[in-house]
PDB file of all heavy atoms in Angstrom:
ATOM      1  N   ASN A   1      33.094 164.949  42.048  1.00  0.00           N
ATOM      2  CA  ASN A   1      31.874 165.838  42.401  1.00  0.00           C
ATOM      3  C   ASN A   1      30.508 164.987  42.441  1.00  0.00           C
ATOM      4  O   ASN A   1      29.558 165.449  41.791  1.00  0.00           O
ATOM      5  CB  ASN A   1      31.811 166.987  41.314  1.00  0.00           C
ATOM      6  CG  ASN A   1      33.007 167.706  41.330  1.00  0.00           C
ATOM      7  OD1 ASN A   1      33.666 168.081  42.315  1.00  0.00           O
ATOM      8  ND2 ASN A   1      33.479 168.186  40.117  1.00  0.00           N
ATOM      9  N   GLN A   2      30.643 163.887  43.097  1.00  0.00           N
ATOM     10  CA  GLN A   2      29.394 163.159  43.279  1.00  0.00           C
ATOM     11  C   GLN A   2      29.068 163.043  44.728  1.00  0.00           C
ATOM     12  O   GLN A   2      29.056 161.938  45.337  1.00  0.00           O
ATOM     13  CB  GLN A   2      29.472 161.767  42.659  1.00  0.00           C
ATOM     14  CG  GLN A   2      29.584 161.736  41.095  1.00  0.00           C
ATOM     15  CD  GLN A   2      28.363 162.225  40.521  1.00  0.00           C
ATOM     16  OE1 GLN A   2      27.196 162.103  41.083  1.00  0.00           O
ATOM     17  NE2 GLN A   2      28.317 162.629  39.260  1.00  0.00           N
ATOM     18  N   PRO A   3      28.598 164.125  45.382  1.00  0.00           N
ATOM     19  CA  PRO A   3      28.383 164.026  46.803  1.00  0.00           C
ATOM     20  C   PRO A   3      27.043 163.277  47.103  1.00  0.00           C
ATOM     21  O   PRO A   3      26.224 163.189  46.175  1.00  0.00           O
ATOM     22  CB  PRO A   3      28.133 165.542  47.198  1.00  0.00           C
ATOM     23  CG  PRO A   3      27.605 166.156  45.893  1.00  0.00           C
ATOM     24  CD  PRO A   3      28.433 165.449  44.828  1.00  0.00           C
ATOM     25  N   GLU A   4      27.051 162.662  48.238  1.00  0.00           N
ATOM     26  CA  GLU A   4      25.887 161.805  48.574  1.00  0.00           C
ATOM     27  C   GLU A   4      24.657 162.634  48.733  1.00  0.00           C
ATOM     28  O   GLU A   4      24.673 163.725  49.256  1.00  0.00           O
ATOM     29  CB  GLU A   4      26.164 161.048  49.886  1.00  0.00           C
ATOM     30  CG  GLU A   4      25.050 160.001  50.160  1.00  0.00           C
ATOM     31  CD  GLU A   4      25.465 159.153  51.357  1.00  0.00           C
ATOM     32  OE1 GLU A   4      26.564 159.398  51.989  1.00  0.00           O
ATOM     33  OE2 GLU A   4      24.704 158.259  51.700  1.00  0.00           O
ATOM     34  N   SER A   5      23.549 162.181  48.176  1.00  0.00           N
ATOM     35  CA  SER A   5      22.318 162.928  48.149  1.00  0.00           C
ATOM     36  C   SER A   5      21.828 163.100  49.646  1.00  0.00           C
ATOM     37  O   SER A   5      21.881 162.094  50.368  1.00  0.00           O
ATOM     38  CB  SER A   5      21.321 162.230  47.343  1.00  0.00           C
ATOM     39  OG  SER A   5      20.006 162.853  47.505  1.00  0.00           O
ATOM     40  N   PRO A   6      21.365 164.315  49.959  1.00  0.00           N
ATOM     41  CA  PRO A   6      20.771 164.567  51.340  1.00  0.00           C
ATOM     42  C   PRO A   6      19.650 163.675  51.556  1.00  0.00           C
ATOM     43  O   PRO A   6      19.266 163.468  52.685  1.00  0.00           O
ATOM     44  CB  PRO A   6      20.402 166.049  51.313  1.00  0.00           C
ATOM     45  CG  PRO A   6      20.183 166.326  49.857  1.00  0.00           C
ATOM     46  CD  PRO A   6      21.228 165.572  49.157  1.00  0.00           C
ATOM     47  N   GLN A   7      18.994 163.071  50.568  1.00  0.00           N
ATOM     48  CA  GLN A   7      17.880 162.180  50.827  1.00  0.00           C
ATOM     49  C   GLN A   7      18.312 160.771  50.945  1.00  0.00           C
ATOM     50  O   GLN A   7      17.458 159.963  51.195  1.00  0.00           O
ATOM     51  CB  GLN A   7      16.832 162.301  49.501  1.00  0.00           C
ATOM     52  CG  GLN A   7      16.275 163.793  49.424  1.00  0.00           C
ATOM     53  CD  GLN A   7      15.326 163.858  48.296  1.00  0.00           C
ATOM     54  OE1 GLN A   7      15.189 162.991  47.432  1.00  0.00           O
ATOM     55  NE2 GLN A   7      14.487 164.952  48.189  1.00  0.00           N
ATOM     56  N   SER A   8      19.516 160.517  50.720  1.00  0.00           N
ATOM     57  CA  SER A   8      20.034 159.135  50.810  1.00  0.00           C
ATOM     58  C   SER A   8      20.396 158.840  52.241  1.00  0.00           C
ATOM     59  O   SER A   8      20.990 159.641  52.917  1.00  0.00           O
ATOM     60  CB  SER A   8      21.328 159.038  49.919  1.00  0.00           C
ATOM     61  OG  SER A   8      21.801 157.753  50.061  1.00  0.00           O
ATOM     62  N   LEU A   9      20.162 157.551  52.623  1.00  0.00           N
ATOM     63  CA  LEU A   9      20.584 157.077  53.979  1.00  0.00           C
ATOM     64  C   LEU A   9      22.015 157.003  54.040  1.00  0.00           C
ATOM     65  O   LEU A   9      22.658 156.599  53.125  1.00  0.00           O
ATOM     66  CB  LEU A   9      19.913 155.722  54.264  1.00  0.00           C
ATOM     67  CG  LEU A   9      18.392 155.783  54.341  1.00  0.00           C
ATOM     68  CD1 LEU A   9      17.933 154.296  54.427  1.00  0.00           C
ATOM     69  CD2 LEU A   9      17.852 156.622  55.406  1.00  0.00           C
ATOM     70  N   GLN A  10      22.626 157.283  55.173  1.00  0.00           N
ATOM     71  CA  GLN A  10      24.096 157.223  55.412  1.00  0.00           C
ATOM     72  C   GLN A  10      24.538 155.802  55.161  1.00  0.00           C
ATOM     73  O   GLN A  10      23.991 154.820  55.856  1.00  0.00           O
ATOM     74  CB  GLN A  10      24.480 157.749  56.826  1.00  0.00           C
ATOM     75  CG  GLN A  10      25.952 157.852  57.050  1.00  0.00           C
ATOM     76  CD  GLN A  10      26.287 158.395  58.425  1.00  0.00           C
ATOM     77  OE1 GLN A  10      25.436 158.583  59.270  1.00  0.00           O
ATOM     78  NE2 GLN A  10      27.561 158.683  58.548  1.00  0.00           N
ATOM     79  N   ASN A  11      25.560 155.620  54.362  1.00  0.00           N
ATOM     80  CA  ASN A  11      26.238 154.350  54.014  1.00  0.00           C
ATOM     81  C   ASN A  11      25.224 153.252  53.483  1.00  0.00           C
ATOM     82  O   ASN A  11      25.422 152.067  53.593  1.00  0.00           O
ATOM     83  CB  ASN A  11      26.802 153.694  55.383  1.00  0.00           C
ATOM     84  CG  ASN A  11      27.998 154.548  55.825  1.00  0.00           C
ATOM     85  OD1 ASN A  11      28.759 155.125  55.008  1.00  0.00           O
ATOM     86  ND2 ASN A  11      28.112 154.705  57.064  1.00  0.00           N
ATOM     87  N   ALA A  12      24.135 153.717  52.979  1.00  0.00           N
ATOM     88  CA  ALA A  12      23.151 152.755  52.553  1.00  0.00           C
ATOM     89  C   ALA A  12      23.616 151.971  51.330  1.00  0.00           C
ATOM     90  O   ALA A  12      23.408 150.672  51.320  1.00  0.00           O
ATOM     91  CB  ALA A  12      21.852 153.591  52.016  1.00  0.00           C
ATOM     92  N   GLY A  13      24.420 152.510  50.415  1.00  0.00           N
ATOM     93  CA  GLY A  13      24.976 151.760  49.400  1.00  0.00           C
ATOM     94  C   GLY A  13      25.789 150.615  49.813  1.00  0.00           C
ATOM     95  O   GLY A  13      25.849 149.534  49.250  1.00  0.00           O
ATOM     96  N   LYS A  14      26.603 150.880  50.778  1.00  0.00           N
ATOM     97  CA  LYS A  14      27.602 149.894  51.300  1.00  0.00           C
ATOM     98  C   LYS A  14      26.752 148.604  51.846  1.00  0.00           C
ATOM     99  O   LYS A  14      27.063 147.446  51.563  1.00  0.00           O
ATOM    100  CB  LYS A  14      28.395 150.372  52.362  1.00  0.00           C
ATOM    101  CG  LYS A  14      29.326 149.301  53.094  1.00  0.00           C
ATOM    102  CD  LYS A  14      30.254 150.074  54.117  1.00  0.00           C
ATOM    103  CE  LYS A  14      29.536 150.574  55.297  1.00  0.00           C
ATOM    104  NZ  LYS A  14      30.414 151.131  56.286  1.00  0.00           N
ATOM    105  N   TYR A  15      25.744 148.911  52.585  1.00  0.00           N
ATOM    106  CA  TYR A  15      24.882 147.839  53.284  1.00  0.00           C
ATOM    107  C   TYR A  15      24.039 147.138  52.203  1.00  0.00           C
ATOM    108  O   TYR A  15      23.793 145.980  52.309  1.00  0.00           O
ATOM    109  CB  TYR A  15      24.158 148.357  54.419  1.00  0.00           C
ATOM    110  CG  TYR A  15      25.009 148.829  55.505  1.00  0.00           C
ATOM    111  CD1 TYR A  15      25.110 150.231  55.899  1.00  0.00           C
ATOM    112  CD2 TYR A  15      25.730 147.950  56.298  1.00  0.00           C
ATOM    113  CE1 TYR A  15      25.859 150.643  56.914  1.00  0.00           C
ATOM    114  CE2 TYR A  15      26.577 148.338  57.279  1.00  0.00           C
ATOM    115  CZ  TYR A  15      26.676 149.741  57.564  1.00  0.00           C
ATOM    116  OH  TYR A  15      27.520 150.100  58.647  1.00  0.00           O
ATOM    117  N   ILE A  16      23.567 147.903  51.251  1.00  0.00           N
ATOM    118  CA  ILE A  16      22.807 147.267  50.206  1.00  0.00           C
ATOM    119  C   ILE A  16      23.710 146.255  49.357  1.00  0.00           C
ATOM    120  O   ILE A  16      23.295 145.162  49.035  1.00  0.00           O
ATOM    121  CB  ILE A  16      22.230 148.371  49.186  1.00  0.00           C
ATOM    122  CG1 ILE A  16      21.132 149.210  49.813  1.00  0.00           C
ATOM    123  CG2 ILE A  16      21.766 147.701  47.859  1.00  0.00           C
ATOM    124  CD1 ILE A  16      20.665 150.314  49.011  1.00  0.00           C
ATOM    125  N   GLY A  17      24.954 146.657  49.171  1.00  0.00           N
ATOM    126  CA  GLY A  17      25.915 145.773  48.477  1.00  0.00           C
ATOM    127  C   GLY A  17      26.125 144.451  49.259  1.00  0.00           C
ATOM    128  O   GLY A  17      26.225 143.421  48.760  1.00  0.00           O
ATOM    129  N   ILE A  18      26.320 144.635  50.605  1.00  0.00           N
ATOM    130  CA  ILE A  18      26.499 143.455  51.460  1.00  0.00           C
ATOM    131  C   ILE A  18      25.297 142.556  51.403  1.00  0.00           C
ATOM    132  O   ILE A  18      25.504 141.351  51.274  1.00  0.00           O
ATOM    133  CB  ILE A  18      26.809 143.974  52.886  1.00  0.00           C
ATOM    134  CG1 ILE A  18      28.105 144.675  52.990  1.00  0.00           C
ATOM    135  CG2 ILE A  18      26.783 142.650  53.892  1.00  0.00           C
ATOM    136  CD1 ILE A  18      28.474 145.289  54.354  1.00  0.00           C
ATOM    137  N   LEU A  19      24.131 143.181  51.561  1.00  0.00           N
ATOM    138  CA  LEU A  19      22.856 142.312  51.549  1.00  0.00           C
ATOM    139  C   LEU A  19      22.731 141.528  50.262  1.00  0.00           C
ATOM    140  O   LEU A  19      22.369 140.429  50.153  1.00  0.00           O
ATOM    141  CB  LEU A  19      21.687 143.240  51.737  1.00  0.00           C
ATOM    142  CG  LEU A  19      21.442 143.721  53.168  1.00  0.00           C
ATOM    143  CD1 LEU A  19      20.406 144.694  53.319  1.00  0.00           C
ATOM    144  CD2 LEU A  19      21.312 142.524  54.167  1.00  0.00           C
ATOM    145  N   GLU A  20      23.063 142.313  49.094  1.00  0.00           N
ATOM    146  CA  GLU A  20      22.811 141.603  47.786  1.00  0.00           C
ATOM    147  C   GLU A  20      23.889 140.444  47.488  1.00  0.00           C
ATOM    148  O   GLU A  20      23.501 139.445  47.089  1.00  0.00           O
ATOM    149  CB  GLU A  20      22.923 142.692  46.613  1.00  0.00           C
ATOM    150  CG  GLU A  20      24.380 143.084  46.332  1.00  0.00           C
ATOM    151  CD  GLU A  20      24.376 144.115  45.225  1.00  0.00           C
ATOM    152  OE1 GLU A  20      23.373 144.646  44.923  1.00  0.00           O
ATOM    153  OE2 GLU A  20      25.398 144.320  44.671  1.00  0.00           O
ATOM    154  N   ARG A  21      25.035 140.680  48.108  1.00  0.00           N
ATOM    155  CA  ARG A  21      26.088 139.583  47.991  1.00  0.00           C
ATOM    156  C   ARG A  21      25.681 138.350  48.823  1.00  0.00           C
ATOM    157  O   ARG A  21      25.777 137.273  48.389  1.00  0.00           O
ATOM    158  CB  ARG A  21      27.436 140.106  48.375  1.00  0.00           C
ATOM    159  CG  ARG A  21      28.056 141.023  47.262  1.00  0.00           C
ATOM    160  CD  ARG A  21      29.507 141.310  47.517  1.00  0.00           C
ATOM    161  NE  ARG A  21      29.704 142.027  48.776  1.00  0.00           N
ATOM    162  CZ  ARG A  21      29.633 143.369  48.873  1.00  0.00           C
ATOM    163  NH1 ARG A  21      29.426 144.090  47.828  1.00  0.00           N
ATOM    164  NH2 ARG A  21      29.908 143.976  50.014  1.00  0.00           N
ATOM    165  N   VAL A  22      25.203 138.601  49.997  1.00  0.00           N
ATOM    166  CA  VAL A  22      24.892 137.475  50.924  1.00  0.00           C
ATOM    167  C   VAL A  22      23.604 136.722  50.291  1.00  0.00           C
ATOM    168  O   VAL A  22      23.544 135.595  50.309  1.00  0.00           O
ATOM    169  CB  VAL A  22      24.385 138.074  52.317  1.00  0.00           C
ATOM    170  CG1 VAL A  22      23.825 137.008  53.097  1.00  0.00           C
ATOM    171  CG2 VAL A  22      25.711 138.603  52.971  1.00  0.00           C
ATOM    172  N   LEU A  23      22.647 137.574  49.750  1.00  0.00           N
ATOM    173  CA  LEU A  23      21.463 136.958  49.121  1.00  0.00           C
ATOM    174  C   LEU A  23      21.916 136.015  47.940  1.00  0.00           C
ATOM    175  O   LEU A  23      21.421 134.893  47.759  1.00  0.00           O
ATOM    176  CB  LEU A  23      20.443 137.939  48.690  1.00  0.00           C
ATOM    177  CG  LEU A  23      19.671 138.614  49.808  1.00  0.00           C
ATOM    178  CD1 LEU A  23      18.819 139.759  49.213  1.00  0.00           C
ATOM    179  CD2 LEU A  23      18.751 137.618  50.481  1.00  0.00           C
ATOM    180  N   ILE A  24      22.770 136.636  47.072  1.00  0.00           N
ATOM    181  CA  ILE A  24      23.231 135.872  45.935  1.00  0.00           C
ATOM    182  C   ILE A  24      24.023 134.600  46.343  1.00  0.00           C
ATOM    183  O   ILE A  24      23.866 133.488  45.864  1.00  0.00           O
ATOM    184  CB  ILE A  24      24.238 136.716  45.148  1.00  0.00           C
ATOM    185  CG1 ILE A  24      23.470 137.824  44.441  1.00  0.00           C
ATOM    186  CG2 ILE A  24      24.964 135.837  44.097  1.00  0.00           C
ATOM    187  CD1 ILE A  24      24.300 138.842  43.830  1.00  0.00           C
ATOM    188  N   PHE A  25      24.854 134.712  47.449  1.00  0.00           N
ATOM    189  CA  PHE A  25      25.474 133.507  48.116  1.00  0.00           C
ATOM    190  C   PHE A  25      24.513 132.513  48.524  1.00  0.00           C
ATOM    191  O   PHE A  25      24.676 131.292  48.211  1.00  0.00           O
ATOM    192  CB  PHE A  25      26.259 134.094  49.330  1.00  0.00           C
ATOM    193  CG  PHE A  25      27.120 133.080  49.928  1.00  0.00           C
ATOM    194  CD1 PHE A  25      28.210 132.522  49.445  1.00  0.00           C
ATOM    195  CD2 PHE A  25      26.780 132.633  51.247  1.00  0.00           C
ATOM    196  CE1 PHE A  25      29.059 131.626  50.116  1.00  0.00           C
ATOM    197  CE2 PHE A  25      27.560 131.726  52.022  1.00  0.00           C
ATOM    198  CZ  PHE A  25      28.643 131.231  51.454  1.00  0.00           C
ATOM    199  N   LEU A  26      23.428 132.788  49.141  1.00  0.00           N
ATOM    200  CA  LEU A  26      22.441 131.869  49.571  1.00  0.00           C
ATOM    201  C   LEU A  26      21.700 131.267  48.372  1.00  0.00           C
ATOM    202  O   LEU A  26      21.439 130.106  48.389  1.00  0.00           O
ATOM    203  CB  LEU A  26      21.451 132.578  50.571  1.00  0.00           C
ATOM    204  CG  LEU A  26      22.072 132.948  51.812  1.00  0.00           C
ATOM    205  CD1 LEU A  26      20.952 133.726  52.691  1.00  0.00           C
ATOM    206  CD2 LEU A  26      22.608 131.792  52.679  1.00  0.00           C
ATOM    207  N   PHE A  27      21.424 132.110  47.385  1.00  0.00           N
ATOM    208  CA  PHE A  27      20.670 131.649  46.237  1.00  0.00           C
ATOM    209  C   PHE A  27      21.509 130.585  45.496  1.00  0.00           C
ATOM    210  O   PHE A  27      20.949 129.516  45.009  1.00  0.00           O
ATOM    211  CB  PHE A  27      20.440 132.716  45.210  1.00  0.00           C
ATOM    212  CG  PHE A  27      19.309 133.795  45.722  1.00  0.00           C
ATOM    213  CD1 PHE A  27      19.327 135.069  45.351  1.00  0.00           C
ATOM    214  CD2 PHE A  27      18.322 133.365  46.652  1.00  0.00           C
ATOM    215  CE1 PHE A  27      18.401 135.924  45.839  1.00  0.00           C
ATOM    216  CE2 PHE A  27      17.473 134.233  47.148  1.00  0.00           C
ATOM    217  CZ  PHE A  27      17.475 135.579  46.801  1.00  0.00           C
ATOM    218  N   VAL A  28      22.744 130.832  45.267  1.00  0.00           N
ATOM    219  CA  VAL A  28      23.634 129.914  44.649  1.00  0.00           C
ATOM    220  C   VAL A  28      23.852 128.533  45.458  1.00  0.00           C
ATOM    221  O   VAL A  28      23.736 127.479  44.897  1.00  0.00           O
ATOM    222  CB  VAL A  28      25.003 130.409  44.299  1.00  0.00           C
ATOM    223  CG1 VAL A  28      25.968 129.464  43.648  1.00  0.00           C
ATOM    224  CG2 VAL A  28      24.916 131.630  43.363  1.00  0.00           C
ATOM    225  N   LEU A  29      23.993 128.633  46.711  1.00  0.00           N
ATOM    226  CA  LEU A  29      24.153 127.443  47.558  1.00  0.00           C
ATOM    227  C   LEU A  29      22.839 126.671  47.561  1.00  0.00           C
ATOM    228  O   LEU A  29      22.971 125.486  47.683  1.00  0.00           O
ATOM    229  CB  LEU A  29      24.468 127.931  49.028  1.00  0.00           C
ATOM    230  CG  LEU A  29      25.879 128.533  49.165  1.00  0.00           C
ATOM    231  CD1 LEU A  29      26.054 128.851  50.725  1.00  0.00           C
ATOM    232  CD2 LEU A  29      26.969 127.609  48.748  1.00  0.00           C
ATOM    233  N   THR A  30      21.709 127.204  47.436  1.00  0.00           N
ATOM    234  CA  THR A  30      20.489 126.553  47.461  1.00  0.00           C
ATOM    235  C   THR A  30      20.032 126.245  45.987  1.00  0.00           C
ATOM    236  O   THR A  30      18.794 125.791  45.819  1.00  0.00           O
ATOM    237  CB  THR A  30      19.355 127.304  48.129  1.00  0.00           C
ATOM    238  OG1 THR A  30      19.266 128.625  47.545  1.00  0.00           O
ATOM    239  CG2 THR A  30      19.677 127.448  49.614  1.00  0.00           C
ATOM    240  N   ASN A  31      20.882 126.450  45.035  1.00  0.00           N
ATOM    241  CA  ASN A  31      20.639 126.151  43.647  1.00  0.00           C
ATOM    242  C   ASN A  31      19.418 126.872  43.047  1.00  0.00           C
ATOM    243  O   ASN A  31      18.602 126.328  42.291  1.00  0.00           O
ATOM    244  CB  ASN A  31      20.363 124.485  43.456  1.00  0.00           C
ATOM    245  CG  ASN A  31      20.547 124.194  42.052  1.00  0.00           C
ATOM    246  OD1 ASN A  31      21.263 124.707  41.176  1.00  0.00           O
ATOM    247  ND2 ASN A  31      19.826 123.130  41.640  1.00  0.00           N
ATOM    248  N   HIS A  32      19.296 128.127  43.374  1.00  0.00           N
ATOM    249  CA  HIS A  32      18.206 129.071  42.857  1.00  0.00           C
ATOM    250  C   HIS A  32      18.873 130.136  42.017  1.00  0.00           C
ATOM    251  O   HIS A  32      18.793 131.403  42.378  1.00  0.00           O
ATOM    252  CB  HIS A  32      17.351 129.560  43.911  1.00  0.00           C
ATOM    253  CG  HIS A  32      16.482 128.607  44.612  1.00  0.00           C
ATOM    254  ND1 HIS A  32      16.797 127.771  45.677  1.00  0.00           N
ATOM    255  CD2 HIS A  32      15.168 128.201  44.267  1.00  0.00           C
ATOM    256  CE1 HIS A  32      15.885 127.008  46.051  1.00  0.00           C
ATOM    257  NE2 HIS A  32      14.878 127.208  45.162  1.00  0.00           N
ATOM    258  N   PHE A  33      19.450 129.734  40.925  1.00  0.00           N
ATOM    259  CA  PHE A  33      20.104 130.786  40.116  1.00  0.00           C
ATOM    260  C   PHE A  33      19.154 131.776  39.445  1.00  0.00           C
ATOM    261  O   PHE A  33      19.475 132.890  39.158  1.00  0.00           O
ATOM    262  CB  PHE A  33      20.903 130.048  38.972  1.00  0.00           C
ATOM    263  CG  PHE A  33      22.222 129.513  39.393  1.00  0.00           C
ATOM    264  CD1 PHE A  33      22.252 128.153  39.821  1.00  0.00           C
ATOM    265  CD2 PHE A  33      23.474 130.262  39.426  1.00  0.00           C
ATOM    266  CE1 PHE A  33      23.431 127.568  40.348  1.00  0.00           C
ATOM    267  CE2 PHE A  33      24.556 129.596  39.871  1.00  0.00           C
ATOM    268  CZ  PHE A  33      24.605 128.325  40.348  1.00  0.00           C
ATOM    269  N   GLU A  34      17.908 131.359  39.322  1.00  0.00           N
ATOM    270  CA  GLU A  34      16.876 132.320  38.696  1.00  0.00           C
ATOM    271  C   GLU A  34      16.605 133.460  39.602  1.00  0.00           C
ATOM    272  O   GLU A  34      16.393 134.583  39.219  1.00  0.00           O
ATOM    273  CB  GLU A  34      15.513 131.533  38.439  1.00  0.00           C
ATOM    274  CG  GLU A  34      14.773 131.071  39.703  1.00  0.00           C
ATOM    275  CD  GLU A  34      15.375 129.880  40.388  1.00  0.00           C
ATOM    276  OE1 GLU A  34      16.263 129.280  39.868  1.00  0.00           O
ATOM    277  OE2 GLU A  34      14.681 129.457  41.380  1.00  0.00           O
ATOM    278  N   ALA A  35      16.854 133.218  40.932  1.00  0.00           N
ATOM    279  CA  ALA A  35      16.603 134.340  41.878  1.00  0.00           C
ATOM    280  C   ALA A  35      17.797 135.351  41.666  1.00  0.00           C
ATOM    281  O   ALA A  35      17.548 136.547  42.035  1.00  0.00           O
ATOM    282  CB  ALA A  35      16.640 133.828  43.267  1.00  0.00           C
ATOM    283  N   VAL A  36      18.917 134.897  41.302  1.00  0.00           N
ATOM    284  CA  VAL A  36      20.063 135.893  41.159  1.00  0.00           C
ATOM    285  C   VAL A  36      19.686 136.850  39.937  1.00  0.00           C
ATOM    286  O   VAL A  36      19.875 138.011  39.993  1.00  0.00           O
ATOM    287  CB  VAL A  36      21.373 135.082  40.831  1.00  0.00           C
ATOM    288  CG1 VAL A  36      22.591 136.094  40.522  1.00  0.00           C
ATOM    289  CG2 VAL A  36      21.779 134.183  41.918  1.00  0.00           C
ATOM    290  N   GLY A  37      19.175 136.231  38.922  1.00  0.00           N
ATOM    291  CA  GLY A  37      18.699 137.013  37.750  1.00  0.00           C
ATOM    292  C   GLY A  37      17.585 138.074  38.157  1.00  0.00           C
ATOM    293  O   GLY A  37      17.647 139.099  37.728  1.00  0.00           O
ATOM    294  N   PHE A  38      16.706 137.560  39.041  1.00  0.00           N
ATOM    295  CA  PHE A  38      15.607 138.374  39.449  1.00  0.00           C
ATOM    296  C   PHE A  38      16.173 139.560  40.265  1.00  0.00           C
ATOM    297  O   PHE A  38      15.776 140.791  40.116  1.00  0.00           O
ATOM    298  CB  PHE A  38      14.557 137.605  40.284  1.00  0.00           C
ATOM    299  CG  PHE A  38      13.584 138.482  40.949  1.00  0.00           C
ATOM    300  CD1 PHE A  38      12.486 138.866  40.219  1.00  0.00           C
ATOM    301  CD2 PHE A  38      13.687 138.839  42.302  1.00  0.00           C
ATOM    302  CE1 PHE A  38      11.444 139.663  40.832  1.00  0.00           C
ATOM    303  CE2 PHE A  38      12.760 139.574  42.853  1.00  0.00           C
ATOM    304  CZ  PHE A  38      11.553 140.075  42.170  1.00  0.00           C
ATOM    305  N   LEU A  39      17.147 139.230  41.123  1.00  0.00           N
ATOM    306  CA  LEU A  39      17.810 140.355  41.955  1.00  0.00           C
ATOM    307  C   LEU A  39      18.435 141.344  41.147  1.00  0.00           C
ATOM    308  O   LEU A  39      18.395 142.587  41.366  1.00  0.00           O
ATOM    309  CB  LEU A  39      18.727 139.661  42.947  1.00  0.00           C
ATOM    310  CG  LEU A  39      19.395 140.625  44.024  1.00  0.00           C
ATOM    311  CD1 LEU A  39      18.355 141.197  44.825  1.00  0.00           C
ATOM    312  CD2 LEU A  39      20.363 139.796  44.801  1.00  0.00           C
ATOM    313  N   LEU A  40      19.219 140.927  40.082  1.00  0.00           N
ATOM    314  CA  LEU A  40      19.909 141.827  39.216  1.00  0.00           C
ATOM    315  C   LEU A  40      18.893 142.683  38.449  1.00  0.00           C
ATOM    316  O   LEU A  40      19.069 143.907  38.338  1.00  0.00           O
ATOM    317  CB  LEU A  40      20.720 141.016  38.284  1.00  0.00           C
ATOM    318  CG  LEU A  40      21.567 141.853  37.151  1.00  0.00           C
ATOM    319  CD1 LEU A  40      22.520 142.894  37.892  1.00  0.00           C
ATOM    320  CD2 LEU A  40      22.383 140.960  36.241  1.00  0.00           C
ATOM    321  N   ALA A  41      17.831 142.092  37.895  1.00  0.00           N
ATOM    322  CA  ALA A  41      16.849 142.903  37.263  1.00  0.00           C
ATOM    323  C   ALA A  41      16.118 143.910  38.183  1.00  0.00           C
ATOM    324  O   ALA A  41      15.944 145.046  37.772  1.00  0.00           O
ATOM    325  CB  ALA A  41      15.719 141.920  36.672  1.00  0.00           C
ATOM    326  N   ALA A  42      15.875 143.428  39.353  1.00  0.00           N
ATOM    327  CA  ALA A  42      15.234 144.463  40.303  1.00  0.00           C
ATOM    328  C   ALA A  42      16.069 145.630  40.710  1.00  0.00           C
ATOM    329  O   ALA A  42      15.673 146.728  40.642  1.00  0.00           O
ATOM    330  CB  ALA A  42      14.908 143.656  41.697  1.00  0.00           C
ATOM    331  N   LYS A  43      17.432 145.302  40.916  1.00  0.00           N
ATOM    332  CA  LYS A  43      18.368 146.398  41.077  1.00  0.00           C
ATOM    333  C   LYS A  43      18.438 147.353  39.942  1.00  0.00           C
ATOM    334  O   LYS A  43      18.531 148.577  40.160  1.00  0.00           O
ATOM    335  CB  LYS A  43      19.679 145.822  41.485  1.00  0.00           C
ATOM    336  CG  LYS A  43      20.726 146.957  41.879  1.00  0.00           C
ATOM    337  CD  LYS A  43      22.059 146.355  42.326  1.00  0.00           C
ATOM    338  CE  LYS A  43      22.998 147.495  42.765  1.00  0.00           C
ATOM    339  NZ  LYS A  43      24.238 146.996  43.173  1.00  0.00           N
ATOM    340  N   SER A  44      18.479 146.729  38.782  1.00  0.00           N
ATOM    341  CA  SER A  44      18.582 147.566  37.512  1.00  0.00           C
ATOM    342  C   SER A  44      17.393 148.486  37.387  1.00  0.00           C
ATOM    343  O   SER A  44      17.551 149.664  37.040  1.00  0.00           O
ATOM    344  CB  SER A  44      18.655 146.710  36.324  1.00  0.00           C
ATOM    345  OG  SER A  44      19.826 145.937  36.432  1.00  0.00           O
TER     346      SER A  44
END
């Protein structure tokens, strides 16, 4: 019983997840692990 909020964009959660994974991927490849922590904190 967790319907998507009418104020929420369609499939927004899916695309947010994809973007965050790609950003983390780039951060790790460029040796910027601190940015991963910042992203996790911002999402929280």
